[in-house]
Amino acid sequence: MTLTSTLPKKSVVGDNKAANTAATFTESITAPDIKLEDFISFRDYIHEKSGMYFPETKMYLVKNRLGNRMNQLGIKNFKDYFYMVKYDTGMKEFNVLMNLLTTNETSFFRNMPQIEAFTDEALPKIMETKQPGSTLRIWSAGCSTGEEPYTMSMNIMEKILNYTSYNVEIIANDISLEVLTAARKGIYHELSLRTTPKLYIDKYFTKKGNVYHIKDIVKKLVKFSQINMIDSMKMSLIRNVDIIFCRNVTIYFSDEIKRKIVKYFYNSLVKGGYYFIGHSESLHGISKAFKLVYFKNGLVYKKE
């Protein structure tokens, strides 16, 4: 999950959010002006509710992304739209707001060295501690349209030949209802499979027209749900996790919120569990609780 327009976009099935985002920038020329005080109201509310933080240098992003929505609703100024979002007790418009402000960039087998560190190094070490009948629990936090957890599912089926002897649970969540809907459908364009080995495409996907449907056997291991990462109640319910993937999700959160989220992850992991973050991310200044492990294919954090 990323929040800047300069970063690449995720391929999203169906409505094709990447294309919609591009259209947003074209159409948002007519977006109304936003006053600094209105931007700050939005920024602080978003931070309070989601942990995401927009500095004043990103005021144009908020203006552009929300301008089209305001036009759709016939709302003429940002103050009125802010009140609509804030006082919508059902939080429906807030969910729309999150969809507008979060840009999702992903693909299957994204960052292959990290995937190899997962399948060839972390996963075998975790499985050394397991007996048939025990639970293997993996968490894809900020899963977007499902490419990451489905990649894990396919790799588990390939690398653990007797995986059916274990209770495999892949927990996948995101704050955006839109991307979760796409993830559950499991229908992808070729761009999402650009780094996927042909073996996996042939074995785990069915091509229908110009899209690829992921097979039910892959879906079976993954459970999708909506979670706001600053929701301490929901985050605290996820326990006994062996491996956590949270890549490029918290980089746009404030440090205060980031520390809380990383602490949730630490508490969720079993002793000896692994925590994967984006290859350009670091926990420096955020947490000293983890041990940095130097795998052949990359750096991974471990709970000792």
Foldseek 3Di string as FASTA:
>chain_A
DDFDPVDDFAQFPDVGVNVVLVVLQVPLVVQDDADPVLLVLVQVVCCVVFLFHDDPVCSVLLRSLCRVVCVVVVHRYSVVVSVVCVPPVVNPVVLVVVSSRDGHHAAACPQVLVVCCVLVPLVVVLCVPDDQAEEAEEEEEQCFLARVLLNVLLSCVVRVVVCVSYHAAYEYEHQHPRSLVNNLQQKAAVVRCVPPPPVCQVPAWDDDPRIIHGDVSSVVRYDYDYDRLLPVVVLQVQAAHQEYEDEPPCPRGPLVSLLVSVVSVLRRYDAFHKYHYHQPDDCVVRDPQWDWDQDPSHIITGHD
